[in-house]
Amino acid sequence: MAETGRFMDVKDTAAYLNVSVSWLYKNATRSGLVMYRFGVGMNSKIRFNVAEVEAWVKQQRIMGG
């Protein structure tokens, strides 16, 4: 899944991260996930870069315990 240039929509990204779509919209930017907007106005689509999402997931790892 870590190909550069590939994008997931919000629903697929939320499923991949096991979070709700609403959580993703509210917290993505604050959490460090970068959103990309393709298009303008009501027809625009929000997407997440697959490689960036995977890198973000690795950064969330808690070491030790």
Protein backbone atom coordinates (compact mmCIF):
# COMPACT_ATOMS: atom_id res chain seq x y z
CA MET A 1 0.00 0.00 0.00
CA ALA A 2 2.99 2.38 0.35
CA GLU A 3 3.24 3.59 -3.23
CA THR A 4 3.95 7.27 -3.64
CA GLY A 5 1.32 9.21 -5.52
CA ARG A 6 -1.56 6.98 -4.39
CA PHE A 7 -4.43 8.51 -2.48
CA MET A 8 -7.28 7.21 -0.33
CA ASP A 9 -10.60 8.94 0.19
CA VAL A 10 -11.79 9.91 3.67
CA LYS A 11 -13.88 6.76 4.15
CA ASP A 12 -11.01 4.42 3.22
CA THR A 13 -8.55 6.37 5.37
CA ALA A 14 -10.88 6.26 8.37
CA ALA A 15 -11.32 2.50 7.92
CA TYR A 16 -7.55 2.00 7.60
CA LEU A 17 -6.95 3.96 10.83
CA ASN A 18 -9.96 2.40 12.60
CA VAL A 19 -11.45 5.82 13.38
CA SER A 20 -14.71 7.48 12.39
CA VAL A 21 -14.98 9.75 9.37
CA SER A 22 -16.05 12.60 11.68
CA TRP A 23 -12.94 12.07 13.86
CA LEU A 24 -10.79 12.24 10.75
CA TYR A 25 -12.34 15.53 9.58
CA LYS A 26 -12.07 17.09 13.06
CA ASN A 27 -8.61 15.83 14.05
CA ALA A 28 -6.56 15.04 10.95
CA THR A 29 -4.76 18.35 10.65
CA ARG A 30 -4.36 18.76 14.42
CA SER A 31 -2.90 15.25 14.60
CA GLY A 32 -0.42 15.84 11.79
CA LEU A 33 -2.23 14.08 8.95
CA VAL A 34 -2.12 16.09 5.73
CA MET A 35 -5.32 16.40 3.71
CA TYR A 36 -5.33 17.12 -0.01
CA ARG A 37 -8.24 18.82 -1.76
CA PHE A 38 -8.83 17.94 -5.40
CA GLY A 39 -11.24 20.23 -7.23
CA VAL A 40 -13.10 23.31 -6.06
CA GLY A 41 -16.38 24.07 -4.36
CA MET A 42 -18.94 21.41 -3.60
CA ASN A 43 -17.38 19.05 -6.15
CA SER A 44 -14.00 18.99 -4.40
CA LYS A 45 -12.75 15.75 -2.90
CA ILE A 46 -10.58 15.32 0.19
CA ARG A 47 -7.87 12.68 -0.11
CA PHE A 48 -4.97 11.37 1.97
CA ASN A 49 -1.65 10.24 0.51
CA VAL A 50 -1.20 6.54 1.29
CA ALA A 51 2.55 6.77 2.00
CA GLU A 52 2.03 9.77 4.32
CA VAL A 53 -0.73 7.98 6.25
CA GLU A 54 1.48 4.93 6.70
CA ALA A 55 4.38 7.11 7.86
CA TRP A 56 2.05 8.88 10.32
CA VAL A 57 0.91 5.54 11.72
CA LYS A 58 4.54 4.53 12.36
CA GLN A 59 5.13 7.81 14.21
CA GLN A 60 2.25 7.01 16.57
CA ARG A 61 3.98 3.90 17.89
CA ILE A 62 4.52 3.87 21.65
CA MET A 63 7.83 2.33 22.64
CA GLY A 64 8.54 0.56 25.92
CA GLY A 65 5.96 -0.01 28.56
